[in-house]
Amino acid sequence: MPFSGFNLQVKEADFQLVTDLNVKKAIASSKPNGKVVPGIIPMRVLKRCANYLLQPLATLFTIIFAVGVILNFLKFGTVIPPYKGKGSRKSGDSFRPISILPPLTKIFESVLYEKLIPYIEPNLCDEQHGFLVGRSCHTALTLFTQDVFEGIDKQNGKVGAVFIDLRKAFCSINKHLLLHKLALKFSLPPYLVKLLDSYLSDRTFRLKFGDFSSKEFSDVNSVPQGSSLGPLLFSAFINDISRVIDIPFLLYADDPVIYFQNQDLTVITQKLNEALQRIHEWSLDNLISVNTDKTELISLI
């Protein structure tokens, strides 16, 4: 179903041309896949031929940006499911799907990423870590550890923390909610909203297990795995959870942690429960579920 929440008529002057320099930067930053997929030109070949591809790819990508329709071959991936090392091999939950995208798709996504980042990154809350320059698991852990130590260093200080697991978060993002947030809360221009609508629609993939390759399937995930855009779009989607949490918290990708310091464990428990209730209400509004089996409370006394 096409995205119809806004007037997405795009004028010629509304979008920026894709230049040779944009493509050159995208090729240089794209890493070769660890797995070589038969029938797909490897990234290392594209890198060697980069000087001959800059102008044709810049022209192709400019047309895509202008029309707002992404070609189907740029929305196809190969999924390889390695075993996690535990659980029954007869259960799909015991395998971790790794999506391998064609090199040309990676180059296009890198160009699109550079167009999106000026609108999204400045508007992300300070508590966001992961997938951002200068913000990682280490920065999140450092801030969390510092806050915890400061809390328990106080006289009779106690800290309670809840580590929240969002169930299959990337697979649960509703495309229409995401596009509305990008347009309204991140002021994404119409041509980029239209382009992302096409990017998130009618995606396909095939499974590859050893020498076996399946037929093509429709990909119902709105935020594709293995894509450089996936983490950025997920960060934009989850960002407004910050508006419902009124106690200290941190976001590392799809793993929020909330915590509170006080001398009274009853007060800590009350504050954490109130925050959890608001997060639950937010998750219902955003069609995401909290995995209670993997959500844990830790009390530091």
Protein backbone atom coordinates (compact mmCIF):
# COMPACT_ATOMS: atom_id res chain seq x y z
CA MET A 1 0.00 0.00 0.00
CA PRO A 2 1.55 3.34 -1.01
CA PHE A 3 2.31 5.92 1.61
CA SER A 4 -0.44 8.53 1.44
CA GLY A 5 -0.05 10.53 4.61
CA PHE A 6 1.44 13.55 2.84
CA ASN A 7 1.46 15.26 -0.51
CA LEU A 8 4.53 13.68 -2.06
CA GLN A 9 4.57 15.47 -5.40
CA VAL A 10 8.21 16.22 -6.01
CA LYS A 11 9.38 19.17 -8.05
CA GLU A 12 12.61 19.04 -10.02
CA ALA A 13 14.31 21.53 -7.71
CA ASP A 14 13.32 19.60 -4.57
CA PHE A 15 16.08 17.00 -4.77
CA GLN A 16 19.83 17.21 -4.98
CA LEU A 17 21.71 15.63 -7.85
CA VAL A 18 23.88 12.63 -7.09
CA THR A 19 27.41 13.53 -8.11
CA ASP A 20 30.41 11.47 -9.13
CA LEU A 21 31.95 12.43 -5.79
CA ASN A 22 28.93 11.03 -3.90
CA VAL A 23 29.32 7.71 -5.72
CA LYS A 24 33.10 7.65 -5.28
CA LYS A 25 32.73 8.15 -1.53
CA ALA A 26 30.05 5.44 -1.35
CA ILE A 27 32.22 2.90 -3.20
CA ALA A 28 35.24 3.70 -1.04
CA SER A 29 33.27 3.25 2.20
CA SER A 30 31.54 0.01 1.14
CA LYS A 31 33.12 -3.13 2.56
CA PRO A 32 33.32 -6.37 0.56
CA ASN A 33 30.97 -9.15 1.67
CA GLY A 34 32.50 -12.06 3.52
CA LYS A 35 30.40 -14.38 1.38
CA VAL A 36 30.46 -14.34 -2.42
CA VAL A 37 27.00 -14.87 -3.88
CA PRO A 38 26.95 -16.57 -7.32
CA GLY A 39 25.67 -14.31 -10.07
CA ILE A 40 26.49 -11.10 -8.16
CA ILE A 41 29.48 -8.94 -9.12
CA PRO A 42 31.74 -8.79 -6.03
CA MET A 43 32.43 -5.43 -4.41
CA ARG A 44 36.17 -5.78 -5.00
CA VAL A 45 35.51 -5.82 -8.76
CA LEU A 46 33.37 -2.68 -8.52
CA LYS A 47 36.10 -0.98 -6.51
CA ARG A 48 38.70 -1.77 -9.17
CA CYS A 49 36.41 -0.41 -11.89
CA ALA A 50 35.22 2.57 -9.85
CA ASN A 51 36.58 5.28 -12.17
CA TYR A 52 34.56 3.88 -15.06
CA LEU A 53 31.36 3.55 -12.99
CA LEU A 54 31.15 6.94 -11.32
CA GLN A 55 29.29 8.83 -14.02
CA PRO A 56 26.86 6.02 -15.03
CA LEU A 57 25.95 5.28 -11.41
CA ALA A 58 25.59 8.98 -10.56
CA THR A 59 23.19 9.35 -13.50
CA LEU A 60 21.22 6.23 -12.52
CA PHE A 61 20.94 7.26 -8.87
CA THR A 62 19.92 10.82 -9.80
CA ILE A 63 17.08 9.43 -11.92
CA ILE A 64 15.99 7.22 -9.01
CA PHE A 65 16.00 10.21 -6.64
CA ALA A 66 14.04 12.31 -9.13
CA VAL A 67 11.39 9.68 -9.89
CA GLY A 68 11.18 8.38 -6.31
CA VAL A 69 11.03 4.74 -7.36
CA ILE A 70 13.77 2.27 -6.48
CA LEU A 71 14.35 -0.53 -8.96
CA ASN A 72 13.49 -4.03 -7.74
CA PHE A 73 17.02 -5.39 -8.18
CA LEU A 74 18.15 -2.87 -5.54
CA LYS A 75 15.62 -4.29 -3.06
CA PHE A 76 16.72 -7.91 -3.15
CA GLY A 77 18.85 -9.75 -0.62
CA THR A 78 20.21 -13.22 0.11
CA VAL A 79 19.65 -14.54 3.64
CA ILE A 80 22.15 -16.98 5.13
CA PRO A 81 21.01 -18.49 8.49
CA PRO A 82 24.01 -19.63 10.58
CA TYR A 83 23.32 -21.72 13.69
CA LYS A 84 23.52 -19.75 16.97
CA GLY A 85 25.23 -22.64 18.72
CA LYS A 86 22.38 -23.52 21.04
CA GLY A 87 18.83 -24.78 20.78
CA SER A 88 17.22 -27.28 18.47
CA ARG A 89 18.36 -27.23 14.86
CA LYS A 90 14.72 -27.92 13.96
CA SER A 91 13.66 -24.54 15.36
CA GLY A 92 13.99 -21.35 13.34
CA ASP A 93 14.78 -19.44 16.56
CA SER A 94 18.09 -21.34 16.77
CA PHE A 95 19.38 -19.62 13.65
CA ARG A 96 20.43 -16.01 13.13
CA PRO A 97 19.48 -14.62 9.71
CA ILE A 98 22.29 -12.69 8.05
CA SER A 99 21.21 -10.71 5.01
CA ILE A 100 23.74 -10.21 2.22
CA LEU A 101 22.94 -7.34 -0.10
CA PRO A 102 24.33 -6.98 -3.62
CA PRO A 103 27.30 -4.57 -3.80
CA LEU A 104 25.41 -2.16 -6.06
CA THR A 105 22.65 -1.97 -3.45
CA LYS A 106 25.22 -1.18 -0.78
CA ILE A 107 26.61 1.66 -2.88
CA PHE A 108 23.15 3.12 -3.48
CA GLU A 109 22.24 2.83 0.21
CA SER A 110 25.46 4.60 1.17
CA VAL A 111 24.52 7.51 -1.12
CA LEU A 112 21.01 7.62 0.35
CA TYR A 113 22.44 7.42 3.88
CA GLU A 114 24.48 10.57 3.29
CA LYS A 115 21.30 12.35 2.15
CA LEU A 116 19.37 11.24 5.26
CA ILE A 117 21.94 11.77 8.01
CA PRO A 118 21.77 15.63 8.09
CA TYR A 119 18.05 15.42 8.85
CA ILE A 120 18.07 12.53 11.31
CA GLU A 121 21.27 12.66 13.38
CA PRO A 122 20.91 16.23 14.75
CA ASN A 123 17.39 15.41 15.97
CA LEU A 124 18.23 12.22 17.84
CA CYS A 125 18.07 12.43 21.64
CA ASP A 126 21.33 12.54 23.57
CA GLU A 127 20.58 9.14 25.10
CA GLN A 128 20.96 7.40 21.72
CA HIS A 129 24.09 5.31 21.30
CA GLY A 130 25.13 2.85 18.64
CA PHE A 131 25.29 3.30 14.85
CA LEU A 132 26.39 6.93 15.28
CA VAL A 133 29.82 8.51 14.97
CA GLY A 134 31.33 8.94 18.44
CA ARG A 135 28.51 6.99 20.09
CA SER A 136 28.92 3.28 20.64
CA CYS A 137 28.45 0.46 23.09
CA HIS A 138 31.53 1.77 24.93
CA THR A 139 30.15 5.30 25.34
CA ALA A 140 26.80 3.94 26.55
CA LEU A 141 28.50 1.60 29.03
CA THR A 142 30.78 4.40 30.26
CA LEU A 143 27.88 6.76 30.97
CA PHE A 144 25.80 4.04 32.59
CA THR A 145 28.69 2.90 34.81
CA GLN A 146 29.47 6.48 35.83
CA ASP A 147 25.86 7.18 36.80
CA VAL A 148 25.60 3.92 38.76
CA PHE A 149 28.82 4.53 40.70
CA GLU A 150 27.78 8.10 41.51
CA GLY A 151 24.47 6.76 42.79
CA ILE A 152 25.85 4.06 45.07
CA ASP A 153 28.65 6.34 46.31
CA LYS A 154 26.07 8.54 47.99
CA GLN A 155 25.20 7.84 51.62
CA ASN A 156 22.90 4.79 51.66
CA GLY A 157 22.71 5.14 47.91
CA LYS A 158 20.95 2.45 45.93
CA VAL A 159 20.39 2.05 42.20
CA GLY A 160 17.85 -0.04 40.34
CA ALA A 161 18.13 -0.70 36.62
CA VAL A 162 15.91 -2.49 34.12
CA PHE A 163 17.44 -3.80 30.91
CA ILE A 164 14.63 -3.99 28.35
CA ASP A 165 14.56 -6.28 25.34
CA LEU A 166 12.30 -5.32 22.45
CA ARG A 167 11.03 -8.43 20.69
CA LYS A 168 12.42 -8.67 17.14
CA ALA A 169 12.52 -4.89 17.03
CA PHE A 170 13.88 -4.42 13.52
CA CYS A 171 11.31 -6.85 12.15
CA SER A 172 8.42 -5.09 13.90
CA ILE A 173 8.79 -1.55 12.59
CA ASN A 174 5.61 -0.38 10.91
CA LYS A 175 6.55 1.32 7.65
CA HIS A 176 3.76 3.89 7.73
CA LEU A 177 4.53 4.93 11.32
CA LEU A 178 8.19 5.26 10.41
CA LEU A 179 7.48 7.45 7.39
CA HIS A 180 5.14 9.68 9.39
CA LYS A 181 7.80 10.16 12.05
CA LEU A 182 10.46 10.96 9.48
CA ALA A 183 8.23 13.52 7.78
CA LEU A 184 6.77 15.15 10.88
CA LYS A 185 9.46 14.86 13.55
CA PHE A 186 12.60 14.94 11.41
CA SER A 187 11.27 17.27 8.68
CA LEU A 188 12.43 14.93 5.94
CA PRO A 189 11.69 16.52 2.53
CA PRO A 190 8.92 14.89 0.46
CA TYR A 191 11.27 13.47 -2.17
CA LEU A 192 13.16 11.49 0.47
CA VAL A 193 9.95 10.29 2.14
CA LYS A 194 8.70 9.11 -1.24
CA LEU A 195 12.00 7.40 -1.97
CA LEU A 196 11.98 5.60 1.39
CA ASP A 197 8.41 4.52 0.81
CA SER A 198 9.60 2.80 -2.36
CA TYR A 199 12.72 1.47 -0.62
CA LEU A 200 10.65 -0.18 2.15
CA SER A 201 8.02 -1.65 -0.20
CA ASP A 202 8.00 -4.86 -2.22
CA ARG A 203 11.34 -6.13 -0.97
CA THR A 204 12.31 -9.73 -1.75
CA PHE A 205 14.89 -12.22 -0.56
CA ARG A 206 15.96 -15.79 -1.03
CA LEU A 207 17.41 -18.25 1.47
CA LYS A 208 20.81 -19.80 0.87
CA PHE A 209 21.95 -22.73 2.98
CA GLY A 210 25.11 -24.39 1.74
CA ASP A 211 24.54 -25.19 -1.92
CA PHE A 212 20.77 -24.79 -1.59
CA SER A 213 19.06 -21.61 -2.81
CA SER A 214 15.34 -21.13 -2.33
CA LYS A 215 12.83 -19.31 -4.50
CA GLU A 216 12.26 -15.62 -3.85
CA PHE A 217 10.05 -14.58 -0.93
CA SER A 218 8.44 -11.26 -0.04
CA ASP A 219 10.24 -9.51 2.80
CA VAL A 220 7.72 -8.18 5.31
CA ASN A 221 10.40 -6.44 7.40
CA SER A 222 10.09 -2.69 7.03
CA VAL A 223 13.66 -2.09 8.19
CA PRO A 224 15.84 -4.53 6.23
CA GLN A 225 18.54 -6.47 8.04
CA GLY A 226 22.07 -6.13 6.72
CA SER A 227 21.38 -2.66 5.38
CA SER A 228 23.37 0.42 6.35
CA LEU A 229 20.06 2.28 6.43
CA GLY A 230 18.40 -0.15 8.84
CA PRO A 231 20.11 1.06 12.05
CA LEU A 232 19.64 4.74 11.13
CA LEU A 233 15.95 4.30 10.37
CA PHE A 234 15.44 2.28 13.55
CA SER A 235 17.14 5.00 15.60
CA ALA A 236 14.73 7.54 14.10
CA PHE A 237 11.75 5.30 14.83
CA ILE A 238 12.57 4.65 18.49
CA ASN A 239 13.73 8.20 19.21
CA ASP A 240 10.39 9.50 20.54
CA ILE A 241 10.44 6.94 23.35
CA SER A 242 12.54 9.59 25.08
CA ARG A 243 9.39 11.69 25.50
CA VAL A 244 7.68 9.13 27.72
CA ILE A 245 10.61 8.32 30.03
CA ASP A 246 11.18 10.79 32.87
CA ILE A 247 14.01 8.97 34.66
CA PRO A 248 17.60 8.38 33.49
CA PHE A 249 17.88 6.00 30.54
CA LEU A 250 20.12 5.05 27.63
CA LEU A 251 19.36 3.57 24.22
CA TYR A 252 21.79 1.26 22.51
CA ALA A 253 20.11 0.22 19.28
CA ASP A 254 17.08 -1.83 20.35
CA ASP A 255 18.28 -2.36 23.95
CA PRO A 256 16.99 0.40 26.27
CA VAL A 257 18.05 0.54 29.90
CA ILE A 258 16.24 2.64 32.51
CA TYR A 259 17.63 3.28 35.98
CA PHE A 260 16.98 5.32 39.12
CA GLN A 261 18.94 6.22 42.23
CA ASN A 262 17.48 6.71 45.70
CA GLN A 263 18.01 5.71 49.31
CA ASP A 264 14.66 3.92 49.41
CA LEU A 265 14.18 0.72 47.37
CA THR A 266 10.42 1.29 47.44
CA VAL A 267 10.83 4.62 45.66
CA ILE A 268 13.20 3.06 43.13
CA THR A 269 10.73 0.26 42.42
CA GLN A 270 7.86 2.71 42.03
CA LYS A 271 9.78 4.94 39.61
CA LEU A 272 10.94 2.00 37.49
CA ASN A 273 7.42 0.53 37.35
CA GLU A 274 5.95 3.87 36.30
CA ALA A 275 8.55 4.19 33.54
CA LEU A 276 7.93 0.61 32.43
CA GLN A 277 4.21 1.30 32.19
CA ARG A 278 4.82 4.32 29.96
CA ILE A 279 7.22 2.30 27.80
CA HIS A 280 4.58 -0.42 27.52
CA GLU A 281 2.00 2.13 26.37
CA TRP A 282 4.51 3.54 23.87
CA SER A 283 5.23 0.05 22.54
CA LEU A 284 1.49 -0.59 22.01
CA ASP A 285 1.10 2.70 20.14
CA ASN A 286 4.11 1.83 17.97
CA LEU A 287 3.18 -1.84 17.40
CA ILE A 288 6.30 -3.15 19.13
CA SER A 289 6.27 -5.70 21.95
CA VAL A 290 8.57 -5.96 24.96
CA ASN A 291 10.16 -9.37 25.46
CA THR A 292 9.44 -9.92 29.15
CA ASP A 293 11.48 -13.15 29.21
CA LYS A 294 14.66 -11.22 28.40
CA THR A 295 13.86 -8.02 30.31
CA GLU A 296 15.78 -8.03 33.59
CA LEU A 297 15.83 -5.96 36.80
CA ILE A 298 19.15 -5.43 38.54
CA SER A 299 19.36 -3.89 42.01
CA LEU A 300 22.68 -2.39 43.13
CA ILE A 301 22.95 -1.70 46.86
